[in-house]
C-alpha cells in the first residue's frame, strides 16, 4: 500500500468545518490502516478568528474546544501556506462565489488540491477551475457541494462511464422543502425554519434556501459538470417559497400529493427550480422531513433514483472526507465533459 501524508488547510470553520475536524480526529487510525493516509492540519481559517498557520501542525482538538485568534487573513496566507489540500467550507455567495472562488483559484494555481462543499465557485467557474487544476496537477473534487454525501459525482464516475446523462430532477434543499411540508400541514414557516436552525441545517440567514438560490446553484453544477453546459445561477428560473400559495399547498396535502421545490435540468433548454405537486408513486414524493433525492435519466442505464435520509452536517463532512480519500488514491478530479473541451 502506497502511503500518503497530507498537510490540510481549512477555509471556513463553521458547522461543516467543525464536523469535518471531528471526523478526521475520530477516523485518523482507520484512514491510516485502510488507505495509508496520514495528515496534519497546518492551516485553520475563519472570517471571525482569522487565519492560523502552523507548519508543525495545529492542535485540532484544542481549536475545536477553545478556538484561536489571529490577525492574519486567509487571502494573505493562502499563496504560501504549507498545505497540500484545502477544504473549502465558507458560506455560499451565489452571485459572485466570493471569497470562496478566489480561495479555490489561488490554491489550485499553486498545485494545492481542493475539496469544496461550497457550491458557488463550481457553479460560476467550473470550466476555468478544472483547467487550472489539470495544468497544475492538483486534485479538485466536490461531492458535498450538491447534496451532502449523496453519491452524485461518485455515482457518475463509478457506474456511468459510457453514455449520456439525459436529465436531472431532484429535491436538493432540505430547508425549503421542510418549510413547504410544514405549511401544507398547517404549521408556520417560521417554526419550521427555527427547527432547521436548531439542528444546524439551516443558516442563520436562510434566504438562499427559501429564495431558491441554493438549488439553482446546485442544478447549474449538475448541468455544467456532468452535461458540459455553460449555465450560471442567474440563468435558472426560480420560484421562491414565499411565492407559493399556502392554500394550494394545503389542498394538495389533502389530495395526497406532496409539493416540493424541484430542481430540473437537461442537456438543453431551461433549468428550473419550481414547486411541483408530486403524486404518491413519484420517487421524490417519498422523501420526508429534510431528506434529499435525485432522479437521473440516462441514455444506457435507464432511470436511477438516489436519496439520503435526513442528512445533517456530519454527512456533508463525510462527503468531504470521502473526496480526500479519493484524491489520496489518485482519483484527482471528477470525470467531466468540461475537461474534454478545456485546453
Protein backbone atom coordinates (compact mmCIF):
# COMPACT_ATOMS: atom_id res chain seq x y z
CA UNK A 1 0.00 0.00 0.00
CA UNK A 2 1.36 3.39 -1.02
CA UNK A 3 1.36 5.80 1.91
CA UNK A 4 0.37 9.43 1.52
CA UNK A 5 0.72 12.26 4.02
CA UNK A 6 -1.38 15.41 3.63
CA UNK A 7 -0.91 18.84 5.13
CA UNK A 8 -4.50 20.05 5.35
CA UNK A 9 -5.99 23.53 5.38
CA UNK A 10 -9.49 24.63 6.37
CA UNK A 11 -11.16 27.62 4.72
CA UNK A 12 -14.17 28.03 6.99
CA UNK A 13 -14.66 26.51 10.43
CA UNK A 14 -18.40 26.72 10.96
CA UNK A 15 -20.77 23.78 11.35
CA UNK A 16 -19.40 21.82 8.41
CA UNK A 17 -15.73 22.56 9.07
CA UNK A 18 -16.02 21.60 12.73
CA UNK A 19 -17.89 18.40 11.86
CA UNK A 20 -15.11 17.52 9.40
CA UNK A 21 -12.43 18.21 12.03
CA UNK A 22 -14.18 15.88 14.49
CA UNK A 23 -14.48 13.21 11.79
CA UNK A 24 -10.80 13.44 10.88
CA UNK A 25 -9.81 13.03 14.52
CA UNK A 26 -12.18 10.10 15.06
CA UNK A 27 -11.13 8.28 11.87
CA UNK A 28 -7.39 9.02 11.87
CA UNK A 29 -6.41 5.40 12.64
CA UNK A 30 -8.87 3.95 10.11
CA UNK A 31 -7.58 6.23 7.35
CA UNK A 32 -4.01 5.10 8.05
CA UNK A 33 -4.91 1.41 8.28
CA UNK A 34 -7.18 1.17 5.23
CA UNK A 35 -5.67 3.74 2.91
CA UNK A 36 -2.17 4.53 4.15
CA UNK A 37 -3.36 8.12 4.56
CA UNK A 38 -1.98 10.32 7.33
CA UNK A 39 -2.42 14.03 7.89
CA UNK A 40 -1.77 17.11 9.94
CA UNK A 41 -3.74 20.34 9.84
CA UNK A 42 -1.43 23.28 9.15
CA UNK A 43 -3.99 25.99 8.34
CA UNK A 44 -7.24 26.94 10.06
CA UNK A 45 -9.11 29.99 8.84
CA UNK A 46 -12.46 31.58 9.54
CA UNK A 47 -13.84 35.07 8.98
CA UNK A 48 -14.23 35.63 12.71
CA UNK A 49 -11.00 34.14 14.07
CA UNK A 50 -8.55 34.89 11.24
CA UNK A 51 -6.03 32.51 9.66
CA UNK A 52 -3.80 30.34 11.87
CA UNK A 53 -0.78 28.85 10.07
CA UNK A 54 1.34 26.30 11.91
CA UNK A 55 3.82 24.29 9.78
CA UNK A 56 4.25 21.69 12.55
CA UNK A 57 0.50 21.11 12.77
CA UNK A 58 -2.16 22.85 14.85
CA UNK A 59 -3.81 21.31 17.89
CA UNK A 60 -7.08 20.44 16.17
CA UNK A 61 -8.82 19.24 19.33
CA UNK A 62 -7.76 22.44 21.07
CA UNK A 63 -9.10 24.53 18.20
CA UNK A 64 -12.44 22.74 18.45
CA UNK A 65 -12.52 23.29 22.19
CA UNK A 66 -11.19 26.83 22.55
CA UNK A 67 -10.83 28.34 19.08
CA UNK A 68 -7.94 30.64 18.17
CA UNK A 69 -7.26 34.25 17.31
CA UNK A 70 -5.07 35.57 14.51
CA UNK A 71 -4.69 38.95 12.84
CA UNK A 72 -3.82 37.23 9.54
CA UNK A 73 -6.47 36.75 6.88
CA UNK A 74 -6.84 33.73 4.61
CA UNK A 75 -6.33 35.71 1.40
CA UNK A 76 -2.95 36.90 2.75
CA UNK A 77 -1.56 33.49 3.73
CA UNK A 78 -3.05 31.18 1.12
CA UNK A 79 -0.38 31.69 -1.53
CA UNK A 80 2.39 30.43 0.76
CA UNK A 81 0.69 28.38 3.49
CA UNK A 82 2.28 24.91 3.90
CA UNK A 83 -0.69 22.84 2.68
CA UNK A 84 -1.25 20.04 0.18
CA UNK A 85 -5.04 20.15 0.23
CA UNK A 86 -7.58 22.84 1.11
CA UNK A 87 -11.08 22.13 2.43
CA UNK A 88 -13.32 25.00 1.25
CA UNK A 89 -16.39 25.33 3.51
CA UNK A 90 -17.07 29.05 3.71
CA UNK A 91 -20.67 30.32 3.26
CA UNK A 92 -22.28 30.40 -0.18
CA UNK A 93 -22.46 33.63 -2.16
CA UNK A 94 -24.46 32.57 -5.24
CA UNK A 95 -23.96 35.67 -7.40
CA UNK A 96 -20.17 36.06 -7.29
CA UNK A 97 -18.92 32.96 -5.49
CA UNK A 98 -16.59 35.11 -3.42
CA UNK A 99 -14.45 34.90 -1.42
CA UNK A 100 -14.51 31.14 -1.96
CA UNK A 101 -13.80 31.42 -5.69
CA UNK A 102 -10.59 33.35 -5.01
CA UNK A 103 -9.58 30.77 -2.37
CA UNK A 104 -10.04 27.90 -4.82
CA UNK A 105 -8.26 29.68 -7.69
CA UNK A 106 -5.26 30.56 -5.51
CA UNK A 107 -4.92 27.05 -4.10
CA UNK A 108 -5.25 25.20 -7.40
CA UNK A 109 -2.86 27.60 -9.18
CA UNK A 110 -0.04 26.59 -6.83
CA UNK A 111 -0.81 22.87 -7.14
CA UNK A 112 -2.77 22.54 -3.91
CA UNK A 113 -5.71 20.15 -4.22
CA UNK A 114 -9.17 21.43 -3.25
CA UNK A 115 -12.17 19.66 -1.76
CA UNK A 116 -15.12 22.02 -1.72
CA UNK A 117 -18.51 21.91 -0.04
CA UNK A 118 -19.03 25.48 -1.22
CA UNK A 119 -21.19 25.46 -4.34
CA UNK A 120 -20.51 28.97 -5.62
CA UNK A 121 -17.08 28.51 -7.23
CA UNK A 122 -18.17 25.37 -9.07
CA UNK A 123 -21.41 26.86 -10.34
CA UNK A 124 -19.73 30.02 -11.58
CA UNK A 125 -16.32 28.85 -12.78
CA UNK A 126 -16.15 25.04 -13.07
CA UNK A 127 -14.63 25.04 -16.56
CA UNK A 128 -11.90 27.51 -15.52
CA UNK A 129 -11.16 25.71 -12.24
CA UNK A 130 -10.89 22.29 -13.88
CA UNK A 131 -8.45 23.80 -16.36
CA UNK A 132 -6.30 25.31 -13.60
CA UNK A 133 -6.33 22.04 -11.65
CA UNK A 134 -5.28 19.98 -14.67
CA UNK A 135 -2.47 22.36 -15.60
CA UNK A 136 -1.13 22.41 -12.01
CA UNK A 137 -1.61 18.69 -11.36
CA UNK A 138 -3.93 19.38 -8.43
CA UNK A 139 -6.97 17.46 -7.27
CA UNK A 140 -10.41 19.07 -7.44
CA UNK A 141 -13.48 17.31 -6.05
CA UNK A 142 -16.78 18.48 -4.56
CA UNK A 143 -19.19 15.65 -3.75
CA UNK A 144 -20.65 17.63 -0.84
CA UNK A 145 -21.49 20.65 -3.00
CA UNK A 146 -24.81 19.24 -4.24
CA UNK A 147 -26.46 17.04 -1.62
CA UNK A 148 -24.27 16.37 1.41
CA UNK A 149 -22.72 12.94 0.78
CA UNK A 150 -25.43 11.73 -1.61
CA UNK A 151 -23.43 9.92 -4.32
CA UNK A 152 -23.85 12.02 -7.44
CA UNK A 153 -20.41 12.60 -8.95
CA UNK A 154 -19.04 9.38 -7.44
CA UNK A 155 -22.01 7.53 -8.93
CA UNK A 156 -21.40 9.02 -12.36
CA UNK A 157 -17.68 8.24 -12.11
CA UNK A 158 -18.06 4.63 -10.98
CA UNK A 159 -21.32 3.45 -12.54
CA UNK A 160 -21.97 5.62 -15.62
CA UNK A 161 -18.72 5.59 -17.63
CA UNK A 162 -20.46 5.30 -21.03
CA UNK A 163 -23.48 7.06 -22.47
CA UNK A 164 -25.13 10.41 -21.90
CA UNK A 165 -26.96 11.76 -18.89
CA UNK A 166 -30.33 12.97 -20.18
CA UNK A 167 -32.00 14.73 -17.27
CA UNK A 168 -31.71 15.55 -13.58
CA UNK A 169 -34.78 16.08 -11.41
CA UNK A 170 -34.27 16.44 -7.70
CA UNK A 171 -35.10 17.71 -4.26
CA UNK A 172 -31.75 19.21 -3.31
CA UNK A 173 -32.53 21.59 -0.46
CA UNK A 174 -33.73 20.48 2.95
CA UNK A 175 -34.86 23.80 4.39
CA UNK A 176 -37.18 24.98 1.63
CA UNK A 177 -38.98 21.67 1.36
CA UNK A 178 -39.28 21.17 5.10
CA UNK A 179 -40.94 24.60 5.21
CA UNK A 180 -43.35 23.71 2.37
CA UNK A 181 -44.33 20.48 4.13
CA UNK A 182 -44.88 22.33 7.41
CA UNK A 183 -47.13 24.96 5.79
CA UNK A 184 -49.10 22.23 3.99
CA UNK A 185 -49.84 20.67 7.38
CA UNK A 186 -50.94 23.91 8.98
CA UNK A 187 -47.73 24.88 10.78
CA UNK A 188 -45.94 28.18 10.29
CA UNK A 189 -42.93 28.56 8.06
CA UNK A 190 -41.09 30.42 10.83
CA UNK A 191 -41.49 27.45 13.16
CA UNK A 192 -40.08 25.08 10.55
CA UNK A 193 -37.12 27.38 9.84
CA UNK A 194 -36.35 27.62 13.56
CA UNK A 195 -36.34 23.83 13.80
CA UNK A 196 -33.84 23.56 10.94
CA UNK A 197 -31.63 26.23 12.50
CA UNK A 198 -31.58 24.43 15.84
CA UNK A 199 -30.43 21.28 14.05
CA UNK A 200 -27.62 23.23 12.36
CA UNK A 201 -29.04 22.53 8.88
CA UNK A 202 -30.37 25.99 8.03
CA UNK A 203 -28.14 29.06 8.14
CA UNK A 204 -28.88 31.97 10.47
CA UNK A 205 -29.98 33.73 7.28
CA UNK A 206 -31.91 31.07 5.30
CA UNK A 207 -32.76 33.37 2.37
CA UNK A 208 -30.62 31.46 -0.16
CA UNK A 209 -32.62 28.32 0.68
CA UNK A 210 -36.05 29.94 0.68
CA UNK A 211 -35.49 32.03 -2.46
CA UNK A 212 -34.36 29.01 -4.48
CA UNK A 213 -30.77 30.18 -4.94
CA UNK A 214 -29.28 27.13 -3.21
CA UNK A 215 -30.99 24.69 -5.57
CA UNK A 216 -30.33 26.96 -8.57
CA UNK A 217 -26.61 26.78 -7.86
CA UNK A 218 -26.77 23.01 -7.43
CA UNK A 219 -28.67 22.36 -10.65
CA UNK A 220 -26.17 24.52 -12.54
CA UNK A 221 -23.34 22.37 -11.15
CA UNK A 222 -25.07 19.20 -12.35
CA UNK A 223 -25.73 20.66 -15.80
CA UNK A 224 -22.26 22.08 -16.30
CA UNK A 225 -20.08 19.40 -14.73
CA UNK A 226 -21.99 16.31 -15.88
CA UNK A 227 -23.58 17.57 -19.12
CA UNK A 228 -20.99 20.10 -20.26
CA UNK A 229 -23.35 23.08 -20.29
CA UNK A 230 -22.39 26.70 -19.53
CA UNK A 231 -25.21 27.90 -17.29
CA UNK A 232 -24.94 30.36 -14.43
CA UNK A 233 -27.25 30.52 -11.39
CA UNK A 234 -28.86 33.67 -12.85
CA UNK A 235 -29.99 31.60 -15.85
CA UNK A 236 -32.17 29.35 -13.68
CA UNK A 237 -35.89 30.04 -13.47
CA UNK A 238 -36.61 30.24 -9.71
CA UNK A 239 -39.84 30.28 -7.71
CA UNK A 240 -39.25 31.37 -4.07
CA UNK A 241 -41.09 29.67 -1.21
CA UNK A 242 -42.82 32.98 -0.45
CA UNK A 243 -44.48 32.89 -3.88
CA UNK A 244 -46.13 29.51 -3.27
CA UNK A 245 -49.82 29.78 -2.30
CA UNK A 246 -50.40 28.25 1.20
CA UNK A 247 -53.97 27.37 0.24
CA UNK A 248 -52.73 25.36 -2.74
CA UNK A 249 -50.20 23.58 -0.50
CA UNK A 250 -52.92 22.56 1.95
CA UNK A 251 -55.26 21.45 -0.83
CA UNK A 252 -52.55 19.27 -2.40
CA UNK A 253 -51.78 17.76 1.02
CA UNK A 254 -55.43 16.82 1.46
CA UNK A 255 -55.44 15.31 -2.05
CA UNK A 256 -52.46 13.14 -1.12
CA UNK A 257 -49.87 14.98 -3.21
CA UNK A 258 -46.63 16.35 -1.78
CA UNK A 259 -45.41 19.73 -3.02
CA UNK A 260 -41.67 20.28 -3.26
CA UNK A 261 -39.38 22.84 -4.81
CA UNK A 262 -37.93 20.62 -7.52
CA UNK A 263 -34.75 21.37 -9.45
CA UNK A 264 -34.78 20.20 -13.08
CA UNK A 265 -32.35 20.41 -15.97
CA UNK A 266 -31.48 18.62 -19.19
CA UNK A 267 -28.71 18.88 -21.82
CA UNK A 268 -30.51 21.85 -23.39
CA UNK A 269 -33.46 24.10 -22.64
CA UNK A 270 -34.19 25.92 -19.38
CA UNK A 271 -33.15 24.93 -15.89
CA UNK A 272 -35.84 25.39 -13.25
CA UNK A 273 -36.42 25.42 -9.51
CA UNK A 274 -40.17 25.40 -9.11
CA UNK A 275 -42.97 23.93 -6.95
CA UNK A 276 -44.30 20.62 -8.21
CA UNK A 277 -47.22 18.60 -6.81
CA UNK A 278 -45.90 15.04 -6.81
CA UNK A 279 -48.26 12.05 -6.91
CA UNK A 280 -47.70 9.26 -4.36
CA UNK A 281 -45.97 7.00 -6.89
CA UNK A 282 -43.26 9.54 -7.71
CA UNK A 283 -39.88 8.68 -6.16
CA UNK A 284 -39.36 12.24 -4.98
CA UNK A 285 -42.74 12.19 -3.21
CA UNK A 286 -41.37 9.50 -0.89
CA UNK A 287 -38.89 11.98 0.62
CA UNK A 288 -39.91 13.23 4.04
CA UNK A 289 -38.61 15.74 6.54
CA UNK A 290 -35.30 17.07 5.30
CA UNK A 291 -34.35 14.11 3.12
CA UNK A 292 -32.83 14.76 -0.31
CA UNK A 293 -33.19 12.82 -3.54
CA UNK A 294 -32.29 12.86 -7.21
CA UNK A 295 -33.71 11.15 -10.28
CA UNK A 296 -31.16 10.70 -13.06
CA UNK A 297 -32.39 9.78 -16.54
CA UNK A 298 -29.60 8.16 -18.55
CA UNK A 299 -29.10 7.01 -22.12
CA UNK A 300 -27.97 3.47 -21.29
CA UNK A 301 -28.65 2.79 -17.61
CA UNK A 302 -32.36 3.73 -17.65
CA UNK A 303 -33.56 5.82 -14.70
CA UNK A 304 -31.62 5.88 -11.45
CA UNK A 305 -33.02 7.18 -8.16
CA UNK A 306 -30.75 8.03 -5.24
CA UNK A 307 -31.63 9.55 -1.88
CA UNK A 308 -30.20 10.33 1.53
CA UNK A 309 -32.48 10.19 4.57
CA UNK A 310 -32.47 13.32 6.74
CA UNK A 311 -28.79 14.25 6.45
CA UNK A 312 -27.04 16.52 8.95
CA UNK A 313 -23.76 18.44 8.77
CA UNK A 314 -21.92 15.22 9.63
CA UNK A 315 -22.94 13.83 6.25
CA UNK A 316 -21.65 16.95 4.46
CA UNK A 317 -18.38 16.46 6.31
CA UNK A 318 -18.31 12.80 5.33
CA UNK A 319 -18.61 13.71 1.66
CA UNK A 320 -15.52 15.90 2.05
CA UNK A 321 -13.65 13.14 3.83
CA UNK A 322 -14.52 10.73 1.00
CA UNK A 323 -13.11 13.21 -1.51
CA UNK A 324 -9.88 13.40 0.49
CA UNK A 325 -9.61 9.60 0.28
CA UNK A 326 -10.31 9.72 -3.49
CA UNK A 327 -7.51 12.24 -4.07
CA UNK A 328 -5.21 10.18 -1.86
CA UNK A 329 -5.93 7.21 -4.15
CA UNK A 330 -5.07 9.23 -7.24
CA UNK A 331 -8.65 9.98 -8.37
CA UNK A 332 -7.81 13.62 -8.65
CA UNK A 333 -10.83 15.02 -10.49
CA UNK A 334 -14.40 14.08 -11.32
CA UNK A 335 -14.70 12.97 -14.97
CA UNK A 336 -16.43 15.79 -16.81
CA UNK A 337 -17.14 16.89 -20.39
CA UNK A 338 -15.64 20.24 -19.38
CA UNK A 339 -12.17 18.68 -19.41
CA UNK A 340 -12.67 17.38 -22.92
CA UNK A 341 -13.12 20.95 -24.12
CA UNK A 342 -10.51 22.57 -21.87
CA UNK A 343 -7.08 23.11 -23.44
